[in-house]
C-alpha atoms as a PDB file:
ATOM      1  CA  MET A   1      88.322 111.284  92.781  1.00  0.00           C
ATOM      2  CA  ALA A   2      85.756 109.250  94.661  1.00  0.00           C
ATOM      3  CA  GLN A   3      85.461 105.551  95.398  1.00  0.00           C
ATOM      4  CA  TYR A   4      82.510 103.410  94.339  1.00  0.00           C
ATOM      5  CA  MET A   5      81.581  99.797  94.863  1.00  0.00           C
ATOM      6  CA  ILE A   6      80.167  97.812  91.976  1.00  0.00           C
ATOM      7  CA  ALA A   7      78.529  94.760  93.540  1.00  0.00           C
ATOM      8  CA  ILE A   8      77.465  91.722  91.513  1.00  0.00           C
ATOM      9  CA  HIS A   9      74.209  90.089  92.636  1.00  0.00           C
ATOM     10  CA  HIS A  10      73.726  86.331  92.311  1.00  0.00           C
ATOM     11  CA  PRO A  11      70.872  83.998  93.278  1.00  0.00           C
ATOM     12  CA  ASN A  12      71.403  82.146  96.558  1.00  0.00           C
ATOM     13  CA  ASP A  13      72.056  78.836  94.790  1.00  0.00           C
ATOM     14  CA  PHE A  14      74.802  80.312  92.565  1.00  0.00           C
ATOM     15  CA  GLU A  15      78.009  78.306  92.482  1.00  0.00           C
ATOM     16  CA  PRO A  16      81.062  80.564  92.050  1.00  0.00           C
ATOM     17  CA  PHE A  17      82.759  78.251  89.560  1.00  0.00           C
ATOM     18  CA  SER A  18      79.658  77.516  87.484  1.00  0.00           C
ATOM     19  CA  GLU A  19      80.182  80.438  85.124  1.00  0.00           C
ATOM     20  CA  SER A  20      80.728  79.619  81.465  1.00  0.00           C
ATOM     21  CA  GLU A  21      84.146  79.994  79.882  1.00  0.00           C
ATOM     22  CA  ALA A  22      82.783  82.944  77.895  1.00  0.00           C
ATOM     23  CA  THR A  23      81.654  84.700  81.084  1.00  0.00           C
ATOM     24  CA  ALA A  24      85.029  84.073  82.742  1.00  0.00           C
ATOM     25  CA  ARG A  25      86.816  85.502  79.677  1.00  0.00           C
ATOM     26  CA  ASP A  26      84.555  88.565  79.663  1.00  0.00           C
ATOM     27  CA  ILE A  27      85.174  89.204  83.364  1.00  0.00           C
ATOM     28  CA  ASP A  28      88.940  88.780  82.880  1.00  0.00           C
ATOM     29  CA  ALA A  29      88.820  91.236  79.958  1.00  0.00           C
ATOM     30  CA  LEU A  30      86.859  93.745  82.051  1.00  0.00           C
ATOM     31  CA  ASN A  31      89.369  93.425  84.891  1.00  0.00           C
ATOM     32  CA  GLU A  32      92.200  94.094  82.420  1.00  0.00           C
ATOM     33  CA  GLU A  33      90.353  97.111  81.011  1.00  0.00           C
ATOM     34  CA  MET A  34      89.845  98.475  84.534  1.00  0.00           C
ATOM     35  CA  ARG A  35      93.507  97.888  85.416  1.00  0.00           C
ATOM     36  CA  ALA A  36      94.639  99.615  82.214  1.00  0.00           C
ATOM     37  CA  ALA A  37      92.400 102.589  83.080  1.00  0.00           C
ATOM     38  CA  GLY A  38      93.916 102.668  86.586  1.00  0.00           C
ATOM     39  CA  VAL A  39      90.547 102.623  88.348  1.00  0.00           C
ATOM     40  CA  ILE A  40      90.671  99.380  90.386  1.00  0.00           C
ATOM     41  CA  ARG A  41      91.382  99.742  94.099  1.00  0.00           C
ATOM     42  CA  PHE A  42      90.149  96.245  95.050  1.00  0.00           C
ATOM     43  CA  VAL A  43      88.329  93.369  93.388  1.00  0.00           C
ATOM     44  CA  GLY A  44      87.137  90.118  94.912  1.00  0.00           C
ATOM     45  CA  GLY A  45      84.657  87.288  94.683  1.00  0.00           C
ATOM     46  CA  MET A  46      82.676  86.110  97.676  1.00  0.00           C
ATOM     47  CA  LYS A  47      82.308  82.575  99.018  1.00  0.00           C
ATOM     48  CA  PRO A  48      78.799  81.044  98.806  1.00  0.00           C
ATOM     49  CA  VAL A  49      76.200  82.726 100.998  1.00  0.00           C
ATOM     50  CA  ALA A  50      75.779  79.491 102.990  1.00  0.00           C
ATOM     51  CA  SER A  51      79.256  80.078 104.481  1.00  0.00           C
ATOM     52  CA  ALA A  52      78.271  83.495 105.908  1.00  0.00           C
ATOM     53  CA  ARG A  53      77.974  84.201 109.626  1.00  0.00           C
ATOM     54  CA  SER A  54      75.891  87.001 111.097  1.00  0.00           C
ATOM     55  CA  VAL A  55      76.847  88.748 114.317  1.00  0.00           C
ATOM     56  CA  ARG A  56      74.237  90.674 116.295  1.00  0.00           C
ATOM     57  CA  VAL A  57      73.966  92.177 119.732  1.00  0.00           C
ATOM     58  CA  ARG A  58      70.934  91.003 121.703  1.00  0.00           C
ATOM     59  CA  GLU A  59      70.375  91.875 125.344  1.00  0.00           C
ATOM     60  CA  ASN A  60      73.987  93.073 125.649  1.00  0.00           C
ATOM     61  CA  ARG A  61      75.383  89.811 124.267  1.00  0.00           C
ATOM     62  CA  THR A  62      76.865  89.108 120.875  1.00  0.00           C
ATOM     63  CA  VAL A  63      75.124  86.294 119.051  1.00  0.00           C
ATOM     64  CA  VAL A  64      76.643  84.531 116.058  1.00  0.00           C
ATOM     65  CA  SER A  65      74.351  82.647 113.698  1.00  0.00           C
ATOM     66  CA  ASP A  66      74.866  80.724 110.483  1.00  0.00           C
ATOM     67  CA  GLY A  67      73.880  82.355 107.245  1.00  0.00           C
ATOM     68  CA  PRO A  68      73.579  85.848 105.872  1.00  0.00           C
ATOM     69  CA  TYR A  69      72.279  88.831 107.801  1.00  0.00           C
ATOM     70  CA  LEU A  70      69.243  89.173 105.535  1.00  0.00           C
ATOM     71  CA  GLU A  71      67.143  86.373 104.100  1.00  0.00           C
ATOM     72  CA  THR A  72      66.859  87.292 100.426  1.00  0.00           C
ATOM     73  CA  LYS A  73      66.712  85.522  97.083  1.00  0.00           C
ATOM     74  CA  GLU A  74      69.948  87.171  95.930  1.00  0.00           C
ATOM     75  CA  HIS A  75      73.240  88.107  97.552  1.00  0.00           C
ATOM     76  CA  ILE A  76      76.469  89.885  96.678  1.00  0.00           C
ATOM     77  CA  GLY A  77      78.665  87.408  94.834  1.00  0.00           C
ATOM     78  CA  GLY A  78      81.629  89.696  94.290  1.00  0.00           C
ATOM     79  CA  PHE A  79      82.565  93.325  93.897  1.00  0.00           C
ATOM     80  CA  TRP A  80      84.976  95.912  92.631  1.00  0.00           C
ATOM     81  CA  VAL A  81      86.036  99.061  94.461  1.00  0.00           C
ATOM     82  CA  LEU A  82      86.867 101.653  91.834  1.00  0.00           C
ATOM     83  CA  GLU A  83      88.242 105.166  92.072  1.00  0.00           C
ATOM     84  CA  VAL A  84      86.734 107.394  89.396  1.00  0.00           C
ATOM     85  CA  ALA A  85      85.803 111.036  88.999  1.00  0.00           C
ATOM     86  CA  THR A  86      82.009 110.824  89.095  1.00  0.00           C
ATOM     87  CA  LEU A  87      79.042 108.581  89.785  1.00  0.00           C
ATOM     88  CA  ASP A  88      78.348 108.626  86.040  1.00  0.00           C
ATOM     89  CA  ASP A  89      81.820 107.174  85.424  1.00  0.00           C
ATOM     90  CA  ALA A  90      81.149 104.451  87.993  1.00  0.00           C
ATOM     91  CA  VAL A  91      77.791 103.660  86.371  1.00  0.00           C
ATOM     92  CA  GLU A  92      79.519 103.259  82.996  1.00  0.00           C
ATOM     93  CA  TRP A  93      81.813 100.645  84.565  1.00  0.00           C
ATOM     94  CA  GLY A  94      78.744  99.106  86.220  1.00  0.00           C
ATOM     95  CA  LYS A  95      77.101  98.693  82.826  1.00  0.00           C
ATOM     96  CA  LYS A  96      80.170  96.840  81.568  1.00  0.00           C
ATOM     97  CA  ALA A  97      80.166  94.672  84.708  1.00  0.00           C
ATOM     98  CA  ALA A  98      76.511  93.721  84.232  1.00  0.00           C
ATOM     99  CA  VAL A  99      77.244  92.636  80.653  1.00  0.00           C
ATOM    100  CA  ALA A 100      80.445  90.734  81.527  1.00  0.00           C
ATOM    101  CA  CYS A 101      78.958  89.010  84.590  1.00  0.00           C
ATOM    102  CA  ARG A 102      75.560  88.399  83.017  1.00  0.00           C
ATOM    103  CA  ALA A 103      74.067  89.474  86.335  1.00  0.00           C
ATOM    104  CA  PRO A 104      72.596  92.600  87.904  1.00  0.00           C
ATOM    105  CA  VAL A 105      75.003  94.954  89.652  1.00  0.00           C
ATOM    106  CA  GLU A 106      74.639  97.763  92.154  1.00  0.00           C
ATOM    107  CA  VAL A 107      76.794 100.901  92.058  1.00  0.00           C
ATOM    108  CA  ARG A 108      77.246 102.738  95.366  1.00  0.00           C
ATOM    109  CA  GLY A 109      79.612 105.411  96.570  1.00  0.00           C
ATOM    110  CA  PHE A 110      81.556 105.470  99.799  1.00  0.00           C
ATOM    111  CA  ASN A 111      81.210 108.326 102.292  1.00  0.00           C
END
């Protein structure tokens, strides 16, 4: 079995609690389906991107700055870490996540 991350992508101005009741129900149902299948290793939502801090090393000093590491129009709003047999299995869960979250997702394996 291998582990995969399914990351939900949201626009930068997304408010975590702005989802409709229907979306929240669909996400809860997906979480229950994943639990019943025994594939969840971790699941979590992220705080707004504005609360991020980036840490870099410049001229042998660590520098902390406000905001995300990359300036993009979207960011990871939450993710699941699943343990499944194949990438295809993870992609099937990713499809369900995209429908439930009404947002694009990315499926990536861990080394």
